Amino acid sequence: TQLGMGLVGVAYVLDEPSIGLHPVDNQRLIQSMTSLRDRGNSVLVVEHDPETMLAADTLLELGPGAGTQGGRLLFNGSPELCCMHKESRTGAYLSGRAKVERASPVLPARGVPFLTVHGASENNLQAVDARFPVGLLTVVCGVSGSGKSTLVNQILSRAAAWKLNRARQIPGNHKGVDGLEHFQRCIRVDQEPIGRSPRSNPATFTKLFDQLRSLFAKCPLSKIRGYGPGRFSFNVRGGRCERCEGDGVIQLDMQFLADVYVECPSCQGRRYNRETLDVRFKGLSIADVLDLTVSEAHKLFRKQPALARKLETLEAVGLGYLKLGQPAPTLSGGEAQRLKLSLELSKRSIGETLYILDEPTTGLHWDDIQRLLDLLLQLRDAGNTIVVIEHNLDLIRMADWLVELGPGGGEEGGQLVYEGDLKGLAKCKASATAAFV
């Protein structure tokens, strides 16, 4: 629309426009943005895509870490200078000094059983037969609209959940799925929010909060006053602040505008009443503990094995900067997805699980992609099967097995272009991905 209007002197602000785009589509997007600039407009883009960064006139990098560890301007200048900047993590990857690398070797698909989808014909799929090796990391790629989500989310995921989890979602049109006998359960890890209210947070989602409440109930003052674990819940009456009902914030209805949350004037956002906050563990109240970052909490609870294990897993997925009580609506999609992965990793591994992820690298920097890859390989090495829909070239290069759909999008797609390892992809002339990897 904007290209057709031919406006001049406009400031365009785009937030990660490359999300969900294949490198082929991404090149068209970059051309569109540069044409807007060339007409006399200003284009400001929040982005992680390397091609977009290199096409920019000026790069601004914030960091050095995330959350409380970030928020500083690290670099402001041209992409060429960024590549030479010693302190820039982005420049290190753009210049090739740093790369996303595998922590464990590529596993060949020889001799392993396959999970096979037969005759997939939902939406634009044209009777596709696709194979996914059991116990390996498979990446499903292809241009936007080629049928990846239909094949994996609407058919494979639902068929597996129907049989293994007794879910009630009906799969899309297909003739059958072979190989589900190799699995005990199917888990789909997406970027949907972990909750939509301020009551939901990393501590409640990962079940850390249950263990924290039990720990505070064992404190000497709790025993004297007869407080049980329920006293330290902000979801029930007793220990919570009743003015905000344990939210820590009060919701203001703005009629035709979005609701606004303001800090509760009674508890100053601490969620609990004064009597509950009197109980302390190593000098900290339950509200103080919820205000700690994951890394700070890990140091505090290092002698509590159950708590330490969960906190260690959260650190492993790169969420050490998150506060335990951070409200769910303030978490990004990537953070929500890594929380879900950490929850799975903290459980006792039973193996034989099918994990399905839909573009997990969305909104992630290279450092975060490295952590994500390490996690996926850790799950694979524990005897699980990983199927990932992805456009990110680093993750495509690291796959054990590739399935590409295409050759185009919509009616021009829906066909199996290639399946096999990365070496074979380079020889596939019909592949739109081969030229980029």
Protein backbone atom coordinates (compact mmCIF):
# COMPACT_ATOMS: atom_id res chain seq x y z
CA THR A 1 0.00 0.00 0.00
CA GLN A 2 2.70 2.45 1.05
CA LEU A 3 4.80 1.80 -2.07
CA GLY A 4 1.78 2.54 -4.23
CA MET A 5 1.04 5.84 -2.48
CA GLY A 6 4.37 7.39 -3.44
CA LEU A 7 4.58 9.51 -0.28
CA VAL A 8 7.65 11.62 0.53
CA GLY A 9 8.99 12.82 3.91
CA VAL A 10 7.38 10.00 5.93
CA ALA A 11 9.03 8.15 8.84
CA TYR A 12 8.27 4.42 8.54
CA VAL A 13 8.82 2.24 11.63
CA LEU A 14 8.87 -1.54 11.08
CA ASP A 15 9.18 -4.17 13.82
CA GLU A 16 10.92 -7.31 12.51
CA PRO A 17 9.30 -7.34 9.05
CA SER A 18 11.37 -10.39 8.00
CA ILE A 19 9.50 -12.72 10.41
CA GLY A 20 8.20 -15.75 8.54
CA LEU A 21 9.99 -14.86 5.28
CA HIS A 22 12.23 -17.13 3.24
CA PRO A 23 15.54 -15.53 2.10
CA VAL A 24 14.03 -15.20 -1.42
CA ASP A 25 11.08 -13.18 -0.07
CA ASN A 26 13.40 -11.26 2.24
CA GLN A 27 15.37 -9.85 -0.69
CA ARG A 28 12.12 -8.42 -2.12
CA LEU A 29 11.34 -6.87 1.27
CA ILE A 30 14.76 -5.19 1.43
CA GLN A 31 14.26 -3.81 -2.10
CA SER A 32 10.88 -2.39 -1.01
CA MET A 33 12.40 -0.69 2.04
CA THR A 34 15.30 0.78 0.06
CA SER A 35 12.85 2.13 -2.55
CA LEU A 36 10.91 3.86 0.26
CA ARG A 37 14.19 5.42 1.43
CA ASP A 38 15.21 6.47 -2.09
CA ARG A 39 11.94 8.40 -2.47
CA GLY A 40 12.93 10.67 0.40
CA ASN A 41 11.50 8.81 3.40
CA SER A 42 13.12 7.65 6.65
CA VAL A 43 12.87 3.91 7.41
CA LEU A 44 13.56 2.67 10.95
CA VAL A 45 13.64 -1.12 11.32
CA VAL A 46 13.93 -3.34 14.42
CA GLU A 47 15.53 -6.49 13.01
CA HIS A 48 17.74 -9.56 13.60
CA ASP A 49 18.12 -10.52 9.93
CA PRO A 50 21.77 -10.19 8.72
CA GLU A 51 20.85 -9.28 5.12
CA THR A 52 18.67 -6.38 6.33
CA MET A 53 21.45 -5.21 8.66
CA LEU A 54 24.04 -5.20 5.88
CA ALA A 55 21.65 -3.30 3.58
CA ALA A 56 21.14 -0.55 6.19
CA ASP A 57 22.82 2.85 6.07
CA THR A 58 23.15 3.00 9.86
CA LEU A 59 23.07 0.34 12.60
CA LEU A 60 22.21 0.95 16.24
CA GLU A 61 23.00 -1.89 18.64
CA LEU A 62 21.63 -2.08 22.20
CA GLY A 63 22.93 -4.36 24.94
CA PRO A 64 25.21 -5.83 26.07
CA GLY A 65 22.78 -8.32 27.62
CA ALA A 66 19.01 -8.57 28.02
CA GLY A 67 16.65 -7.24 30.68
CA THR A 68 18.48 -5.44 33.50
CA GLN A 69 21.80 -6.37 31.86
CA GLY A 70 20.99 -4.37 28.69
CA GLY A 71 19.55 -0.99 27.79
CA ARG A 72 22.82 0.67 26.75
CA LEU A 73 23.84 1.92 23.31
CA LEU A 74 26.80 -0.23 22.22
CA PHE A 75 27.23 0.92 18.63
CA ASN A 76 25.93 3.58 16.24
CA GLY A 77 27.37 3.70 12.75
CA SER A 78 27.63 1.95 9.39
CA PRO A 79 27.42 -1.87 9.00
CA GLU A 80 31.08 -1.86 7.82
CA LEU A 81 32.25 -0.19 11.05
CA CYS A 82 30.01 -2.51 13.10
CA CYS A 83 31.81 -5.53 11.60
CA MET A 84 35.12 -4.12 12.87
CA HIS A 85 33.83 -3.04 16.30
CA LYS A 86 35.44 -5.24 18.97
CA GLU A 87 32.68 -4.97 21.59
CA SER A 88 29.75 -5.53 19.20
CA ARG A 89 28.26 -9.04 19.34
CA THR A 90 26.26 -8.29 16.20
CA GLY A 91 29.40 -7.15 14.36
CA ALA A 92 31.18 -10.37 15.34
CA TYR A 93 28.49 -12.45 13.60
CA LEU A 94 28.09 -10.10 10.61
CA SER A 95 31.84 -10.22 9.94
CA GLY A 96 32.04 -14.00 10.39
CA ARG A 97 34.32 -13.81 13.47
CA ALA A 98 31.59 -15.60 15.43
CA LYS A 99 29.29 -18.34 14.10
CA VAL A 100 26.43 -20.51 15.30
CA GLU A 101 28.03 -23.94 15.84
CA ARG A 102 26.86 -27.44 16.70
CA ALA A 103 27.75 -28.83 20.11
CA SER A 104 27.24 -32.43 18.89
CA PRO A 105 27.77 -34.08 15.49
CA VAL A 106 25.28 -34.48 12.65
CA LEU A 107 23.60 -37.89 12.87
CA PRO A 108 22.98 -39.75 9.60
CA ALA A 109 19.48 -41.04 8.83
CA ARG A 110 20.78 -44.44 7.73
CA GLY A 111 19.23 -47.36 9.59
CA VAL A 112 16.79 -45.27 11.66
CA PRO A 113 13.00 -45.68 11.45
CA PHE A 114 10.95 -42.91 9.84
CA LEU A 115 7.81 -41.05 10.82
CA THR A 116 5.97 -40.77 7.49
CA VAL A 117 3.00 -38.64 6.44
CA HIS A 118 1.17 -40.15 3.44
CA GLY A 119 -0.94 -38.26 0.89
CA ALA A 120 -1.11 -34.87 2.63
CA SER A 121 -3.60 -32.80 0.59
CA GLU A 122 -4.89 -30.09 2.98
CA ASN A 123 -4.95 -26.50 1.60
CA ASN A 124 -2.37 -26.26 -1.21
CA LEU A 125 -0.55 -29.56 -0.47
CA GLN A 126 -0.55 -31.84 -3.53
CA ALA A 127 -0.65 -35.39 -2.13
CA VAL A 128 2.70 -34.97 -0.36
CA ASP A 129 4.49 -37.97 1.17
CA ALA A 130 7.05 -36.64 3.68
CA ARG A 131 9.46 -38.55 5.94
CA PHE A 132 10.92 -37.45 9.29
CA PRO A 133 13.70 -39.65 10.78
CA VAL A 134 13.05 -40.78 14.37
CA GLY A 135 15.61 -39.51 16.91
CA LEU A 136 17.00 -36.75 14.68
CA LEU A 137 16.60 -32.98 14.21
CA THR A 138 14.52 -32.27 11.09
CA VAL A 139 14.04 -28.77 9.66
CA VAL A 140 11.10 -28.13 7.32
CA CYS A 141 11.87 -25.18 5.01
CA GLY A 142 10.55 -23.54 1.84
CA VAL A 143 9.31 -20.17 0.61
CA SER A 144 6.44 -18.43 2.39
CA GLY A 145 3.10 -20.08 1.56
CA SER A 146 4.66 -23.35 0.36
CA GLY A 147 2.63 -25.47 2.81
CA LYS A 148 5.05 -25.99 5.70
CA SER A 149 2.63 -25.03 8.49
CA THR A 150 -0.15 -27.07 6.91
CA LEU A 151 2.00 -30.21 6.73
CA VAL A 152 3.57 -29.94 10.19
CA ASN A 153 0.98 -28.12 12.34
CA GLN A 154 -2.33 -29.10 10.78
CA ILE A 155 -1.50 -32.69 9.80
CA LEU A 156 1.56 -34.17 11.57
CA SER A 157 1.11 -32.38 14.90
CA ARG A 158 -2.64 -33.02 15.13
CA ALA A 159 -2.40 -36.65 13.98
CA ALA A 160 0.32 -37.30 16.60
CA ALA A 161 -1.60 -35.49 19.35
CA TRP A 162 -4.78 -37.40 18.39
CA LYS A 163 -3.09 -40.78 18.83
CA LEU A 164 -0.51 -40.10 21.57
CA ASN A 165 -2.16 -37.40 23.72
CA ARG A 166 -5.81 -38.22 22.97
CA ALA A 167 -6.33 -34.65 21.81
CA ARG A 168 -9.57 -33.78 20.04
CA GLN A 169 -8.27 -31.64 17.18
CA ILE A 170 -8.99 -33.23 13.80
CA PRO A 171 -5.97 -33.45 11.44
CA GLY A 172 -6.08 -32.02 7.90
CA ASN A 173 -6.64 -34.21 4.83
CA HIS A 174 -4.11 -37.03 4.56
CA LYS A 175 -4.11 -40.78 3.95
CA GLY A 176 -2.24 -41.79 7.11
CA VAL A 177 0.78 -41.38 9.36
CA ASP A 178 3.19 -44.29 9.94
CA GLY A 179 5.78 -44.51 12.72
CA LEU A 180 3.85 -43.04 15.67
CA GLU A 181 4.44 -46.29 17.57
CA HIS A 182 8.00 -45.03 18.23
CA PHE A 183 6.68 -42.22 20.47
CA GLN A 184 5.04 -41.93 23.86
CA ARG A 185 3.87 -38.32 23.54
CA CYS A 186 3.84 -35.28 21.26
CA ILE A 187 4.67 -31.77 22.49
CA ARG A 188 4.19 -28.62 20.40
CA VAL A 189 6.31 -25.73 21.63
CA ASP A 190 5.00 -22.46 20.18
CA GLN A 191 5.43 -18.75 20.90
CA GLU A 192 1.94 -18.27 22.33
CA PRO A 193 1.92 -16.30 25.63
CA ILE A 194 2.21 -18.35 28.85
CA GLY A 195 -0.70 -16.31 30.26
CA ARG A 196 -2.64 -13.15 29.56
CA SER A 197 -2.95 -11.72 33.09
CA PRO A 198 -0.31 -10.29 35.50
CA ARG A 199 -0.93 -13.31 37.79
CA SER A 200 0.94 -15.58 35.39
CA ASN A 201 4.74 -15.33 35.53
CA PRO A 202 7.86 -17.50 35.03
CA ALA A 203 7.68 -18.79 38.64
CA THR A 204 4.06 -19.98 38.35
CA PHE A 205 4.51 -21.39 34.83
CA THR A 206 7.55 -23.52 35.69
CA LYS A 207 5.96 -24.68 39.02
CA LEU A 208 8.80 -22.97 40.91
CA PHE A 209 6.21 -21.01 42.87
CA ASP A 210 4.78 -24.19 44.47
CA GLN A 211 8.21 -25.07 45.83
CA LEU A 212 8.85 -21.48 46.98
CA ARG A 213 5.57 -21.40 48.93
CA SER A 214 6.40 -24.72 50.61
CA LEU A 215 9.84 -23.37 51.53
CA PHE A 216 8.40 -20.20 53.13
CA ALA A 217 5.82 -22.29 55.01
CA LYS A 218 8.74 -24.09 56.72
CA CYS A 219 10.27 -20.84 58.02
CA PRO A 220 10.21 -20.46 61.87
CA LEU A 221 7.77 -17.51 61.87
CA SER A 222 5.37 -19.42 59.60
CA LYS A 223 5.33 -22.34 62.03
CA ILE A 224 4.71 -20.01 65.00
CA ARG A 225 1.82 -18.30 63.23
CA GLY A 226 0.48 -21.46 61.63
CA TYR A 227 0.98 -20.34 58.02
CA GLY A 228 0.76 -23.06 55.36
CA PRO A 229 1.85 -22.85 51.69
CA GLY A 230 -1.53 -21.30 50.79
CA ARG A 231 -0.66 -18.22 52.83
CA PHE A 232 2.01 -17.33 50.25
CA SER A 233 -0.28 -17.60 47.23
CA PHE A 234 -1.53 -14.37 45.68
CA ASN A 235 -4.47 -16.21 44.11
CA VAL A 236 -6.41 -16.94 47.33
CA ARG A 237 -7.55 -14.87 50.29
CA GLY A 238 -5.44 -14.78 53.44
CA GLY A 239 -1.94 -13.66 52.58
CA ARG A 240 -2.55 -11.48 49.56
CA CYS A 241 -3.34 -7.75 49.36
CA GLU A 242 -7.11 -7.58 49.02
CA ARG A 243 -7.19 -4.17 47.37
CA CYS A 244 -5.56 -5.48 44.19
CA GLU A 245 -6.48 -9.14 44.96
CA GLY A 246 -2.85 -10.20 44.61
CA ASP A 247 -2.25 -8.66 41.16
CA GLY A 248 0.12 -5.96 42.45
CA VAL A 249 -1.54 -3.63 39.95
CA ILE A 250 -5.02 -2.18 39.53
CA GLN A 251 -6.67 -2.32 36.13
CA LEU A 252 -8.20 0.93 34.87
CA ASP A 253 -10.91 0.63 32.23
CA MET A 254 -10.14 3.27 29.57
CA GLN A 255 -13.44 2.70 27.72
CA PHE A 256 -12.53 2.89 24.02
CA LEU A 257 -8.77 2.62 24.63
CA ALA A 258 -6.74 -0.37 25.88
CA ASP A 259 -6.88 -1.04 29.63
CA VAL A 260 -4.14 0.57 31.74
CA TYR A 261 -2.46 -1.05 34.77
CA VAL A 262 -1.21 1.11 37.67
CA GLU A 263 0.71 0.03 40.77
CA CYS A 264 -1.49 -0.85 43.75
CA PRO A 265 -1.22 2.02 46.29
CA SER A 266 -1.79 -0.33 49.27
CA CYS A 267 0.94 -2.93 48.70
CA GLN A 268 3.14 -0.87 46.28
CA GLY A 269 3.03 -3.73 43.81
CA ARG A 270 4.23 -6.35 46.31
CA ARG A 271 0.99 -8.40 46.06
CA TYR A 272 0.94 -9.45 49.76
CA ASN A 273 -0.27 -7.98 53.06
CA ARG A 274 2.14 -6.89 55.80
CA GLU A 275 1.75 -10.04 57.96
CA THR A 276 2.77 -12.32 55.07
CA LEU A 277 5.78 -10.13 54.23
CA ASP A 278 7.01 -10.52 57.83
CA VAL A 279 8.08 -14.10 57.01
CA ARG A 280 11.61 -14.13 55.61
CA PHE A 281 14.05 -16.64 54.14
CA LYS A 282 17.68 -15.48 54.39
CA GLY A 283 16.36 -11.96 55.00
CA LEU A 284 14.05 -11.90 51.97
CA SER A 285 10.25 -11.93 51.92
CA ILE A 286 8.25 -13.86 49.28
CA ALA A 287 7.77 -10.55 47.38
CA ASP A 288 11.55 -9.93 47.46
CA VAL A 289 12.18 -13.40 46.04
CA LEU A 290 9.71 -12.85 43.18
CA ASP A 291 11.61 -9.63 42.39
CA LEU A 292 14.90 -11.53 41.95
CA THR A 293 16.24 -12.43 38.52
CA VAL A 294 16.66 -16.12 37.70
CA SER A 295 20.46 -15.83 38.11
CA GLU A 296 20.14 -14.11 41.51
CA ALA A 297 17.62 -16.72 42.67
CA HIS A 298 19.93 -19.53 41.53
CA LYS A 299 22.69 -18.24 43.83
CA LEU A 300 20.22 -17.87 46.74
CA PHE A 301 18.71 -21.36 46.40
CA ARG A 302 21.80 -23.31 45.32
CA LYS A 303 21.42 -25.59 48.39
CA GLN A 304 17.75 -26.36 47.58
CA PRO A 305 18.12 -29.13 44.92
CA ALA A 306 14.58 -29.02 43.50
CA LEU A 307 14.63 -25.24 43.10
CA ALA A 308 18.24 -25.13 41.89
CA ARG A 309 17.54 -27.65 39.09
CA LYS A 310 14.68 -25.59 37.62
CA LEU A 311 16.61 -22.33 37.93
CA GLU A 312 19.66 -23.92 36.31
CA THR A 313 17.52 -24.95 33.32
CA LEU A 314 16.11 -21.43 32.99
CA GLU A 315 19.67 -20.09 32.91
CA ALA A 316 20.62 -22.68 30.31
CA VAL A 317 17.97 -21.37 27.90
CA GLY A 318 19.35 -17.84 28.30
CA LEU A 319 16.64 -16.46 30.61
CA GLY A 320 18.89 -15.64 33.58
CA TYR A 321 17.91 -11.96 33.30
CA LEU A 322 14.15 -12.56 33.74
CA LYS A 323 12.55 -11.79 37.10
CA LEU A 324 10.72 -14.72 38.69
CA GLY A 325 7.58 -12.63 39.15
CA GLN A 326 7.68 -10.80 35.82
CA PRO A 327 4.08 -10.56 34.52
CA ALA A 328 3.38 -12.83 31.53
CA PRO A 329 2.02 -10.04 29.27
CA THR A 330 5.47 -8.37 29.31
CA LEU A 331 7.28 -11.46 27.94
CA SER A 332 8.15 -11.68 24.24
CA GLY A 333 7.19 -14.66 22.07
CA GLY A 334 10.79 -15.94 22.09
CA GLU A 335 10.96 -15.73 25.88
CA ALA A 336 7.65 -17.60 26.21
CA GLN A 337 8.93 -20.33 23.91
CA ARG A 338 12.19 -20.75 25.83
CA LEU A 339 10.21 -20.91 29.09
CA LYS A 340 8.25 -23.82 27.64
CA LEU A 341 11.47 -25.52 26.52
CA SER A 342 13.02 -25.07 29.97
CA LEU A 343 9.92 -26.64 31.55
CA GLU A 344 10.39 -29.70 29.34
CA LEU A 345 14.12 -29.88 30.05
CA SER A 346 13.58 -29.67 33.81
CA LYS A 347 11.40 -32.79 33.73
CA ARG A 348 12.95 -36.20 33.97
CA SER A 349 13.71 -37.17 30.41
CA ILE A 350 11.76 -40.20 29.25
CA GLY A 351 12.87 -39.89 25.61
CA GLU A 352 10.60 -41.09 22.80
CA THR A 353 8.92 -37.68 22.58
CA LEU A 354 8.05 -35.85 19.36
CA TYR A 355 8.77 -32.11 19.70
CA ILE A 356 7.28 -29.77 17.09
CA LEU A 357 8.43 -26.12 16.91
CA ASP A 358 7.15 -23.41 14.56
CA GLU A 359 9.87 -20.84 13.70
CA PRO A 360 11.55 -20.85 17.13
CA THR A 361 14.25 -18.34 16.05
CA THR A 362 11.70 -15.53 15.58
CA GLY A 363 12.98 -12.43 17.38
CA LEU A 364 16.25 -14.08 18.47
CA HIS A 365 19.82 -12.74 18.19
CA TRP A 366 22.60 -15.11 17.11
CA ASP A 367 23.65 -15.68 20.74
CA ASP A 368 20.10 -16.77 21.58
CA ILE A 369 19.92 -18.97 18.47
CA GLN A 370 23.11 -20.71 19.66
CA ARG A 371 21.48 -21.45 23.04
CA LEU A 372 18.32 -22.68 21.31
CA LEU A 373 20.29 -25.01 19.04
CA ASP A 374 22.22 -26.41 22.02
CA LEU A 375 18.89 -27.12 23.74
CA LEU A 376 17.37 -28.83 20.70
CA LEU A 377 20.44 -31.04 20.31
CA GLN A 378 20.31 -31.81 24.04
CA LEU A 379 16.71 -32.98 23.60
CA ARG A 380 17.69 -34.99 20.50
CA ASP A 381 20.60 -36.68 22.28
CA ALA A 382 18.20 -37.72 25.07
CA GLY A 383 16.33 -39.90 22.56
CA ASN A 384 13.71 -37.46 21.29
CA THR A 385 12.69 -36.42 17.77
CA ILE A 386 12.63 -32.71 16.83
CA VAL A 387 10.70 -31.28 13.87
CA VAL A 388 11.19 -27.54 13.27
CA ILE A 389 9.58 -25.22 10.72
CA GLU A 390 12.28 -22.64 10.03
CA HIS A 391 13.62 -19.98 7.62
CA ASN A 392 16.77 -19.20 9.60
CA LEU A 393 19.78 -20.31 7.54
CA ASP A 394 21.94 -21.11 10.58
CA LEU A 395 19.38 -23.61 11.89
CA ILE A 396 18.85 -25.06 8.40
CA ARG A 397 22.62 -25.69 8.13
CA MET A 398 22.65 -27.47 11.51
CA ALA A 399 19.83 -29.93 10.71
CA ASP A 400 20.33 -33.69 10.52
CA TRP A 401 17.55 -33.95 7.91
CA LEU A 402 15.85 -31.38 5.67
CA VAL A 403 12.36 -31.38 4.15
CA GLU A 404 11.73 -28.57 1.63
CA LEU A 405 8.31 -27.73 0.20
CA GLY A 406 7.67 -25.50 -2.80
CA PRO A 407 8.79 -24.59 -5.36
CA GLY A 408 6.67 -21.43 -4.91
CA GLY A 409 3.93 -20.23 -2.60
CA GLY A 410 0.15 -20.74 -2.75
CA GLU A 411 -0.95 -22.64 -5.86
CA GLU A 412 2.64 -22.78 -7.08
CA GLY A 413 3.72 -24.65 -3.93
CA GLY A 414 2.52 -27.66 -1.98
CA GLN A 415 5.01 -30.12 -3.53
CA LEU A 416 7.90 -32.00 -1.95
CA VAL A 417 10.98 -30.35 -3.49
CA TYR A 418 13.64 -32.17 -1.44
CA GLU A 419 14.18 -34.46 1.53
CA GLY A 420 17.58 -35.59 2.78
CA ASP A 421 20.74 -34.19 4.34
CA LEU A 422 22.38 -30.79 3.74
CA LYS A 423 24.94 -32.11 1.24
CA GLY A 424 22.20 -33.38 -1.05
CA LEU A 425 20.33 -30.07 -0.92
CA ALA A 426 23.16 -28.27 -2.76
CA LYS A 427 22.59 -30.56 -5.78
CA CYS A 428 18.81 -29.96 -5.87
CA LYS A 429 18.16 -27.50 -8.73
CA ALA A 430 14.49 -26.98 -7.81
CA SER A 431 15.38 -25.82 -4.27
CA ALA A 432 14.94 -22.13 -3.48
CA THR A 433 16.95 -22.63 -0.26
CA ALA A 434 20.05 -24.30 -1.77
CA ALA A 435 21.43 -21.02 -3.15
CA PHE A 436 21.54 -19.46 0.32
CA VAL A 437 23.00 -22.28 2.46
